[in-house]
C-alpha atoms as a PDB file:
ATOM      1  CA  MET A   1     120.603  88.750 122.552  1.00  0.00           C
ATOM      2  CA  HIS A   2     119.857  86.206 119.867  1.00  0.00           C
ATOM      3  CA  PRO A   3     117.376  87.415 117.215  1.00  0.00           C
ATOM      4  CA  HIS A   4     115.072  84.469 117.914  1.00  0.00           C
ATOM      5  CA  PHE A   5     114.139  85.855 121.348  1.00  0.00           C
ATOM      6  CA  LEU A   6     112.878  89.234 120.181  1.00  0.00           C
ATOM      7  CA  ASN A   7     109.175  88.420 119.963  1.00  0.00           C
ATOM      8  CA  GLN A   8     106.711  85.639 119.374  1.00  0.00           C
ATOM      9  CA  ASN A   9     106.694  86.166 115.613  1.00  0.00           C
ATOM     10  CA  LEU A  10     110.257  85.197 115.378  1.00  0.00           C
ATOM     11  CA  THR A  11     109.977  81.882 113.662  1.00  0.00           C
ATOM     12  CA  ASP A  12     108.363  83.797 110.810  1.00  0.00           C
ATOM     13  CA  MET A  13     110.322  87.012 111.121  1.00  0.00           C
ATOM     14  CA  SER A  14     113.788  85.530 110.959  1.00  0.00           C
ATOM     15  CA  GLY A  15     112.763  83.974 107.645  1.00  0.00           C
ATOM     16  CA  HIS A  16     111.679  87.426 106.487  1.00  0.00           C
ATOM     17  CA  ASN A  17     114.999  88.824 107.512  1.00  0.00           C
ATOM     18  CA  LYS A  18     116.928  86.102 105.739  1.00  0.00           C
ATOM     19  CA  TRP A  19     114.941  86.996 102.625  1.00  0.00           C
ATOM     20  CA  SER A  20     115.917  90.679 102.997  1.00  0.00           C
ATOM     21  CA  THR A  21     119.526  89.829 103.765  1.00  0.00           C
ATOM     22  CA  ILE A  22     119.927  87.716 100.646  1.00  0.00           C
ATOM     23  CA  LYS A  23     118.148  90.363  98.594  1.00  0.00           C
ATOM     24  CA  ARG A  24     120.639  92.906  99.973  1.00  0.00           C
ATOM     25  CA  LYS A  25     123.626  90.669  99.175  1.00  0.00           C
ATOM     26  CA  LYS A  26     122.322  90.108  95.683  1.00  0.00           C
ATOM     27  CA  GLY A  27     122.167  93.884  95.336  1.00  0.00           C
ATOM     28  CA  ALA A  28     125.694  94.241  96.666  1.00  0.00           C
ATOM     29  CA  ASN A  29     127.040  91.670  94.198  1.00  0.00           C
ATOM     30  CA  ASP A  30     125.178  93.387  91.419  1.00  0.00           C
ATOM     31  CA  ALA A  31     127.517  94.972  88.905  1.00  0.00           C
ATOM     32  CA  LYS A  32     124.693  97.284  87.863  1.00  0.00           C
ATOM     33  CA  ARG A  33     125.718 100.234  90.002  1.00  0.00           C
ATOM     34  CA  SER A  34     124.415 102.583  87.316  1.00  0.00           C
ATOM     35  CA  LYS A  35     120.970 100.978  87.689  1.00  0.00           C
ATOM     36  CA  ILE A  36     121.132 101.482  91.487  1.00  0.00           C
ATOM     37  CA  PHE A  37     122.151 105.126  90.949  1.00  0.00           C
ATOM     38  CA  SER A  38     119.398 105.820  88.410  1.00  0.00           C
ATOM     39  CA  ARG A  39     116.830 104.277  90.777  1.00  0.00           C
ATOM     40  CA  ILE A  40     117.962 106.553  93.638  1.00  0.00           C
ATOM     41  CA  ILE A  41     118.118 109.644  91.374  1.00  0.00           C
ATOM     42  CA  LYS A  42     114.492 109.009  90.362  1.00  0.00           C
ATOM     43  CA  GLU A  43     113.489 108.594  94.003  1.00  0.00           C
ATOM     44  CA  ILE A  44     115.209 111.903  94.936  1.00  0.00           C
ATOM     45  CA  THR A  45     113.544 113.715  91.994  1.00  0.00           C
ATOM     46  CA  VAL A  46     110.069 112.403  92.889  1.00  0.00           C
ATOM     47  CA  ALA A  47     110.581 113.222  96.597  1.00  0.00           C
ATOM     48  CA  VAL A  48     111.566 116.839  95.767  1.00  0.00           C
ATOM     49  CA  LYS A  49     108.585 117.283  93.404  1.00  0.00           C
ATOM     50  CA  GLU A  50     106.295 115.860  96.092  1.00  0.00           C
ATOM     51  CA  SER A  51     107.443 117.797  99.186  1.00  0.00           C
ATOM     52  CA  GLY A  52     110.230 120.234  98.289  1.00  0.00           C
ATOM     53  CA  PRO A  53     114.053 120.238  98.307  1.00  0.00           C
ATOM     54  CA  ASP A  54     114.681 120.533 102.065  1.00  0.00           C
ATOM     55  CA  PRO A  55     115.513 117.109 103.578  1.00  0.00           C
ATOM     56  CA  ASP A  56     114.732 118.422 107.092  1.00  0.00           C
ATOM     57  CA  SER A  57     111.061 118.873 106.213  1.00  0.00           C
ATOM     58  CA  ASN A  58     110.875 116.086 103.621  1.00  0.00           C
ATOM     59  CA  PRO A  59     111.306 112.607 105.189  1.00  0.00           C
ATOM     60  CA  ARG A  60     111.093 110.841 101.830  1.00  0.00           C
ATOM     61  CA  LEU A  61     113.948 112.960 100.465  1.00  0.00           C
ATOM     62  CA  ARG A  62     115.962 112.394 103.653  1.00  0.00           C
ATOM     63  CA  MET A  63     115.584 108.638 103.175  1.00  0.00           C
ATOM     64  CA  ALA A  64     116.567 108.835  99.476  1.00  0.00           C
ATOM     65  CA  ILE A  65     119.691 110.885 100.322  1.00  0.00           C
ATOM     66  CA  ALA A  66     120.628 108.371 103.065  1.00  0.00           C
ATOM     67  CA  ASN A  67     120.341 105.535 100.527  1.00  0.00           C
ATOM     68  CA  ALA A  68     122.405 107.529  98.022  1.00  0.00           C
ATOM     69  CA  LYS A  69     125.189 107.980 100.608  1.00  0.00           C
ATOM     70  CA  GLY A  70     124.933 104.317 101.637  1.00  0.00           C
ATOM     71  CA  ASN A  71     125.571 103.381  97.997  1.00  0.00           C
ATOM     72  CA  SER A  72     128.551 105.792  97.793  1.00  0.00           C
ATOM     73  CA  MET A  73     126.818 108.090  95.338  1.00  0.00           C
ATOM     74  CA  PRO A  74     128.889 111.267  94.816  1.00  0.00           C
ATOM     75  CA  LYS A  75     127.456 114.454  96.334  1.00  0.00           C
ATOM     76  CA  ASP A  76     127.369 116.085  92.857  1.00  0.00           C
ATOM     77  CA  ASN A  77     124.944 113.408  91.632  1.00  0.00           C
ATOM     78  CA  ILE A  78     122.724 113.950  94.689  1.00  0.00           C
ATOM     79  CA  ASP A  79     122.696 117.746  94.189  1.00  0.00           C
ATOM     80  CA  ARG A  80     121.938 117.341  90.453  1.00  0.00           C
ATOM     81  CA  ALA A  81     118.986 115.058  91.254  1.00  0.00           C
ATOM     82  CA  ILE A  82     117.614 117.586  93.801  1.00  0.00           C
ATOM     83  CA  ASN A  83     117.912 120.395  91.217  1.00  0.00           C
ATOM     84  CA  LYS A  84     116.208 118.216  88.614  1.00  0.00           C
ATOM     85  CA  GLY A  85     113.288 117.760  91.013  1.00  0.00           C
ATOM     86  CA  LYS A  86     113.078 121.547  91.506  1.00  0.00           C
ATOM     87  CA  GLU A  87     112.654 122.241  87.760  1.00  0.00           C
ATOM     88  CA  LYS A  88     109.106 123.439  87.140  1.00  0.00           C
ATOM     89  CA  ASP A  89     108.868 121.969  83.645  1.00  0.00           C
ATOM     90  CA  GLY A  90     111.047 118.927  84.371  1.00  0.00           C
ATOM     91  CA  THR A  91     109.981 115.363  83.651  1.00  0.00           C
ATOM     92  CA  SER A  92     107.036 114.291  85.759  1.00  0.00           C
ATOM     93  CA  PHE A  93     107.034 110.722  86.971  1.00  0.00           C
ATOM     94  CA  ALA A  94     104.100 108.518  87.922  1.00  0.00           C
ATOM     95  CA  GLU A  95     104.449 105.756  90.498  1.00  0.00           C
ATOM     96  CA  VAL A  96     102.691 102.570  89.457  1.00  0.00           C
ATOM     97  CA  THR A  97     102.669  98.999  90.739  1.00  0.00           C
ATOM     98  CA  TYR A  98     101.999  95.726  88.926  1.00  0.00           C
ATOM     99  CA  GLU A  99     101.126  92.375  90.451  1.00  0.00           C
ATOM    100  CA  GLY A 100     101.191  88.946  88.893  1.00  0.00           C
ATOM    101  CA  TYR A 101     102.461  85.391  88.975  1.00  0.00           C
ATOM    102  CA  ALA A 102     105.661  83.870  87.685  1.00  0.00           C
ATOM    103  CA  PRO A 103     105.511  80.173  86.746  1.00  0.00           C
ATOM    104  CA  HIS A 104     104.960  77.686  89.625  1.00  0.00           C
ATOM    105  CA  GLY A 105     102.662  80.154  91.433  1.00  0.00           C
ATOM    106  CA  ILE A 106     105.411  82.535  92.608  1.00  0.00           C
ATOM    107  CA  ALA A 107     103.840  85.938  93.357  1.00  0.00           C
ATOM    108  CA  LEU A 108     105.528  89.094  92.035  1.00  0.00           C
ATOM    109  CA  PHE A 109     104.948  92.680  93.177  1.00  0.00           C
ATOM    110  CA  ILE A 110     106.654  95.248  90.918  1.00  0.00           C
ATOM    111  CA  GLU A 111     107.051  98.942  91.827  1.00  0.00           C
ATOM    112  CA  CYS A 112     107.763 101.367  88.964  1.00  0.00           C
ATOM    113  CA  THR A 113     108.463 105.068  88.557  1.00  0.00           C
ATOM    114  CA  THR A 114     107.847 106.107  84.969  1.00  0.00           C
ATOM    115  CA  ASP A 115     107.323 109.053  82.622  1.00  0.00           C
ATOM    116  CA  ASN A 116     105.384 106.833  80.201  1.00  0.00           C
ATOM    117  CA  THR A 117     102.980 104.300  81.715  1.00  0.00           C
ATOM    118  CA  GLN A 118     102.041 102.800  78.331  1.00  0.00           C
ATOM    119  CA  ARG A 119     105.663 101.894  77.654  1.00  0.00           C
ATOM    120  CA  THR A 120     106.033 100.492  81.158  1.00  0.00           C
ATOM    121  CA  VAL A 121     102.961  98.256  81.139  1.00  0.00           C
ATOM    122  CA  SER A 122     103.849  96.965  77.690  1.00  0.00           C
ATOM    123  CA  ASN A 123     107.394  96.048  78.837  1.00  0.00           C
ATOM    124  CA  ILE A 124     106.066  94.436  82.031  1.00  0.00           C
ATOM    125  CA  ARG A 125     103.445  92.452  80.119  1.00  0.00           C
ATOM    126  CA  SER A 126     105.981  91.202  77.569  1.00  0.00           C
ATOM    127  CA  ILE A 127     108.274  89.817  80.322  1.00  0.00           C
ATOM    128  CA  PHE A 128     105.314  88.027  81.947  1.00  0.00           C
ATOM    129  CA  ASN A 129     104.371  86.559  78.541  1.00  0.00           C
ATOM    130  CA  LYS A 130     107.939  85.556  77.668  1.00  0.00           C
ATOM    131  CA  TYR A 131     108.218  83.466  80.851  1.00  0.00           C
ATOM    132  CA  GLY A 132     104.694  82.049  80.846  1.00  0.00           C
ATOM    133  CA  GLY A 133     103.635  84.134  83.844  1.00  0.00           C
ATOM    134  CA  SER A 134     100.451  86.186  84.196  1.00  0.00           C
ATOM    135  CA  LEU A 135      99.906  89.861  84.960  1.00  0.00           C
ATOM    136  CA  GLY A 136      97.079  90.185  87.507  1.00  0.00           C
ATOM    137  CA  THR A 137      94.791  93.012  88.577  1.00  0.00           C
ATOM    138  CA  ASN A 138      96.140  95.517  91.088  1.00  0.00           C
ATOM    139  CA  GLY A 139      95.376  94.692  94.700  1.00  0.00           C
ATOM    140  CA  SER A 140      94.997  90.989  93.961  1.00  0.00           C
ATOM    141  CA  LEU A 141      98.286  90.036  95.645  1.00  0.00           C
ATOM    142  CA  SER A 142      98.809  92.764  98.237  1.00  0.00           C
ATOM    143  CA  PHE A 143      97.598  90.417 100.998  1.00  0.00           C
ATOM    144  CA  LEU A 144     100.612  88.163 100.310  1.00  0.00           C
ATOM    145  CA  PHE A 145     103.089  90.906 101.273  1.00  0.00           C
ATOM    146  CA  ASP A 146     103.545  93.075 104.373  1.00  0.00           C
ATOM    147  CA  ARG A 147     105.161  96.479 104.057  1.00  0.00           C
ATOM    148  CA  LYS A 148     108.078  96.557 106.480  1.00  0.00           C
ATOM    149  CA  GLY A 149     110.873  98.991 107.225  1.00  0.00           C
ATOM    150  CA  ILE A 150     114.266  97.432 106.511  1.00  0.00           C
ATOM    151  CA  PHE A 151     117.422  99.138 107.822  1.00  0.00           C
ATOM    152  CA  VAL A 152     120.931  97.910 107.089  1.00  0.00           C
ATOM    153  CA  VAL A 153     123.503  99.206 109.595  1.00  0.00           C
ATOM    154  CA  PRO A 154     127.238  98.380 109.458  1.00  0.00           C
ATOM    155  CA  LYS A 155     128.334  96.896 112.810  1.00  0.00           C
ATOM    156  CA  GLY A 156     131.573  98.870 112.998  1.00  0.00           C
ATOM    157  CA  THR A 157     132.422  99.433 116.683  1.00  0.00           C
ATOM    158  CA  LEU A 158     128.824  99.004 117.912  1.00  0.00           C
ATOM    159  CA  ASP A 159     128.361  96.738 120.924  1.00  0.00           C
ATOM    160  CA  GLN A 160     125.966  94.039 119.690  1.00  0.00           C
ATOM    161  CA  ASP A 161     123.970  93.548 122.921  1.00  0.00           C
ATOM    162  CA  GLU A 162     123.604  97.271 123.664  1.00  0.00           C
ATOM    163  CA  PHE A 163     122.668  98.077 120.075  1.00  0.00           C
ATOM    164  CA  GLU A 164     120.095  95.269 119.869  1.00  0.00           C
ATOM    165  CA  MET A 165     118.477  96.369 123.150  1.00  0.00           C
ATOM    166  CA  ALA A 166     118.249  99.969 121.850  1.00  0.00           C
ATOM    167  CA  MET A 167     116.691  98.717 118.602  1.00  0.00           C
ATOM    168  CA  ILE A 168     114.095  96.600 120.462  1.00  0.00           C
ATOM    169  CA  GLU A 169     113.149  99.657 122.537  1.00  0.00           C
ATOM    170  CA  ALA A 170     112.788 101.639 119.296  1.00  0.00           C
ATOM    171  CA  GLY A 171     110.300  99.091 117.934  1.00  0.00           C
ATOM    172  CA  ALA A 172     112.427  96.565 115.994  1.00  0.00           C
ATOM    173  CA  GLU A 173     110.507  93.394 115.191  1.00  0.00           C
ATOM    174  CA  ASP A 174     113.660  91.528 114.258  1.00  0.00           C
ATOM    175  CA  ILE A 175     117.430  92.057 114.163  1.00  0.00           C
ATOM    176  CA  GLU A 176     119.937  89.872 112.384  1.00  0.00           C
ATOM    177  CA  LEU A 177     123.719  90.234 112.282  1.00  0.00           C
ATOM    178  CA  ASP A 178     125.278  88.881 109.118  1.00  0.00           C
ATOM    179  CA  ASP A 179     128.534  89.819 107.350  1.00  0.00           C
ATOM    180  CA  ASP A 180     129.181  92.530 109.960  1.00  0.00           C
ATOM    181  CA  LYS A 181     125.912  94.247 109.061  1.00  0.00           C
ATOM    182  CA  PHE A 182     122.729  94.445 111.126  1.00  0.00           C
ATOM    183  CA  THR A 183     119.472  94.012 109.206  1.00  0.00           C
ATOM    184  CA  ILE A 184     116.676  95.538 111.277  1.00  0.00           C
ATOM    185  CA  THR A 185     112.998  94.963 110.473  1.00  0.00           C
ATOM    186  CA  THR A 186     110.230  97.271 111.731  1.00  0.00           C
ATOM    187  CA  SER A 187     106.519  97.572 111.065  1.00  0.00           C
ATOM    188  CA  MET A 188     105.525 100.240 108.548  1.00  0.00           C
ATOM    189  CA  THR A 189     104.292 102.514 111.352  1.00  0.00           C
ATOM    190  CA  ASP A 190     107.605 102.228 113.253  1.00  0.00           C
ATOM    191  CA  PHE A 191     109.662 103.053 110.160  1.00  0.00           C
ATOM    192  CA  GLY A 192     109.808 106.845 110.763  1.00  0.00           C
ATOM    193  CA  PRO A 193     110.479 106.581 114.527  1.00  0.00           C
ATOM    194  CA  MET A 194     113.281 104.035 113.887  1.00  0.00           C
ATOM    195  CA  ALA A 195     114.905 106.357 111.318  1.00  0.00           C
ATOM    196  CA  ASN A 196     114.757 109.173 113.919  1.00  0.00           C
ATOM    197  CA  THR A 197     116.216 106.924 116.649  1.00  0.00           C
ATOM    198  CA  LEU A 198     119.202 105.959 114.474  1.00  0.00           C
ATOM    199  CA  GLU A 199     119.748 109.613 113.560  1.00  0.00           C
ATOM    200  CA  LYS A 200     119.718 110.633 117.256  1.00  0.00           C
ATOM    201  CA  MET A 201     122.238 107.855 117.981  1.00  0.00           C
ATOM    202  CA  GLY A 202     124.471 109.315 115.253  1.00  0.00           C
ATOM    203  CA  ILE A 203     124.222 106.099 113.214  1.00  0.00           C
ATOM    204  CA  GLU A 204     124.070 106.355 109.430  1.00  0.00           C
ATOM    205  CA  PRO A 205     122.386 103.278 107.909  1.00  0.00           C
ATOM    206  CA  GLU A 206     123.774 101.873 104.691  1.00  0.00           C
ATOM    207  CA  SER A 207     120.171 101.742 103.495  1.00  0.00           C
ATOM    208  CA  GLU A 208     116.716 102.373 104.893  1.00  0.00           C
ATOM    209  CA  GLU A 209     113.644 101.532 102.874  1.00  0.00           C
ATOM    210  CA  LEU A 210     110.123 100.208 102.924  1.00  0.00           C
ATOM    211  CA  GLN A 211     110.050  96.769 101.379  1.00  0.00           C
ATOM    212  CA  ARG A 212     107.194  94.395 100.663  1.00  0.00           C
ATOM    213  CA  ILE A 213     108.127  91.265 102.590  1.00  0.00           C
ATOM    214  CA  PRO A 214     106.307  88.015 101.740  1.00  0.00           C
ATOM    215  CA  ASN A 215     104.078  86.610 104.513  1.00  0.00           C
ATOM    216  CA  ASP A 216     104.799  83.145 103.326  1.00  0.00           C
ATOM    217  CA  THR A 217     107.418  81.837 100.922  1.00  0.00           C
ATOM    218  CA  LYS A 218     107.285  78.976  98.412  1.00  0.00           C
ATOM    219  CA  THR A 219     110.182  76.597  97.883  1.00  0.00           C
ATOM    220  CA  LEU A 220     111.021  75.396  94.368  1.00  0.00           C
ATOM    221  CA  ASP A 221     113.629  72.986  93.054  1.00  0.00           C
ATOM    222  CA  LEU A 222     116.807  74.698  91.896  1.00  0.00           C
ATOM    223  CA  GLU A 223     116.150  74.707  88.141  1.00  0.00           C
ATOM    224  CA  PRO A 224     112.646  76.281  88.218  1.00  0.00           C
ATOM    225  CA  ALA A 225     113.795  78.641  91.018  1.00  0.00           C
ATOM    226  CA  LEU A 226     116.660  79.913  88.836  1.00  0.00           C
ATOM    227  CA  LYS A 227     114.198  80.471  85.960  1.00  0.00           C
ATOM    228  CA  VAL A 228     111.989  82.566  88.249  1.00  0.00           C
ATOM    229  CA  MET A 229     115.045  84.565  89.404  1.00  0.00           C
ATOM    230  CA  LYS A 230     116.024  85.143  85.754  1.00  0.00           C
ATOM    231  CA  MET A 231     112.542  86.601  85.220  1.00  0.00           C
ATOM    232  CA  VAL A 232     112.931  88.785  88.344  1.00  0.00           C
ATOM    233  CA  GLU A 233     116.281  90.042  86.987  1.00  0.00           C
ATOM    234  CA  LEU A 234     114.716  90.962  83.647  1.00  0.00           C
ATOM    235  CA  PHE A 235     112.139  93.066  85.484  1.00  0.00           C
ATOM    236  CA  GLU A 236     114.884  94.651  87.619  1.00  0.00           C
ATOM    237  CA  GLU A 237     116.863  95.593  84.494  1.00  0.00           C
ATOM    238  CA  ASP A 238     113.949  97.599  83.085  1.00  0.00           C
ATOM    239  CA  ASP A 239     114.659 101.329  83.477  1.00  0.00           C
ATOM    240  CA  ASP A 240     111.160 102.058  84.811  1.00  0.00           C
ATOM    241  CA  VAL A 241     111.309  99.395  87.544  1.00  0.00           C
ATOM    242  CA  GLN A 242     112.353 100.519  91.034  1.00  0.00           C
ATOM    243  CA  ASN A 243     111.775  97.300  93.021  1.00  0.00           C
ATOM    244  CA  VAL A 244     110.680  93.713  92.472  1.00  0.00           C
ATOM    245  CA  PHE A 245     109.347  91.710  95.419  1.00  0.00           C
ATOM    246  CA  HIS A 246     108.512  88.008  95.266  1.00  0.00           C
ATOM    247  CA  ASN A 247     107.673  85.116  97.582  1.00  0.00           C
ATOM    248  CA  LEU A 248     110.217  82.575  96.358  1.00  0.00           C
ATOM    249  CA  GLU A 249     112.012  80.967  99.319  1.00  0.00           C
ATOM    250  CA  MET A 250     115.682  81.937  99.314  1.00  0.00           C
ATOM    251  CA  THR A 251     117.199  78.560 100.117  1.00  0.00           C
ATOM    252  CA  ASP A 252     120.963  78.368 100.709  1.00  0.00           C
ATOM    253  CA  GLU A 253     121.246  76.280  97.535  1.00  0.00           C
ATOM    254  CA  LEU A 254     119.514  79.017  95.496  1.00  0.00           C
ATOM    255  CA  ALA A 255     121.560  81.782  97.151  1.00  0.00           C
ATOM    256  CA  ASN A 256     124.806  79.956  96.308  1.00  0.00           C
ATOM    257  CA  ALA A 257     123.696  79.330  92.719  1.00  0.00           C
ATOM    258  CA  LEU A 258     122.968  83.060  92.325  1.00  0.00           C
END
């Protein structure tokens, strides 16, 4: 079944999925594996501190471990991160978000996990200032983004039609096959049930996470778009930053230039 027949939202949703797919590819091309690892280690540590070290009773930890495996993180690193989370007097992290605008009215939503919020906000503010953007008040941009579950599943030997039908029954809003990987989008409320469905089917996703997907994207010419992406990359390189979401349209021209 073609993704465009899944539901009425599809003209919008397939754009969302393209956005996620390109974001995923950008991540895959990213040489910064150590940054990906440190992000996942932080997520595991926070999950353990929040709800304990047993993945069976801690869905957030289960998701973090799945993402660690999907990124080929060695088991030793995963175990070390779980133990770090169990330490009573270990580092305690706060989860904070920042919202603002890049030049040309591109909205940015930045998720951070930090042990020093003053350092984090000062770094975030300096990147906004450097690029002529503006840091806004929290909550001012949340209406521009929807939280969606995004699952990336390698196609392998899966039968496309059968798999897509099973995903629709499990609540998928959109499915796209690209580069032998399915990108599945669910609503936030269907995120947990979809994770359970894949587990019951014996399918291990390459990644499963809640992302903030833009409701509407803005298209820029290549040069200003690349400047905005450079700003996004600077945020992503900051040690305290876990995710950066934006509403810049990922045109093919921009994707190729990246």
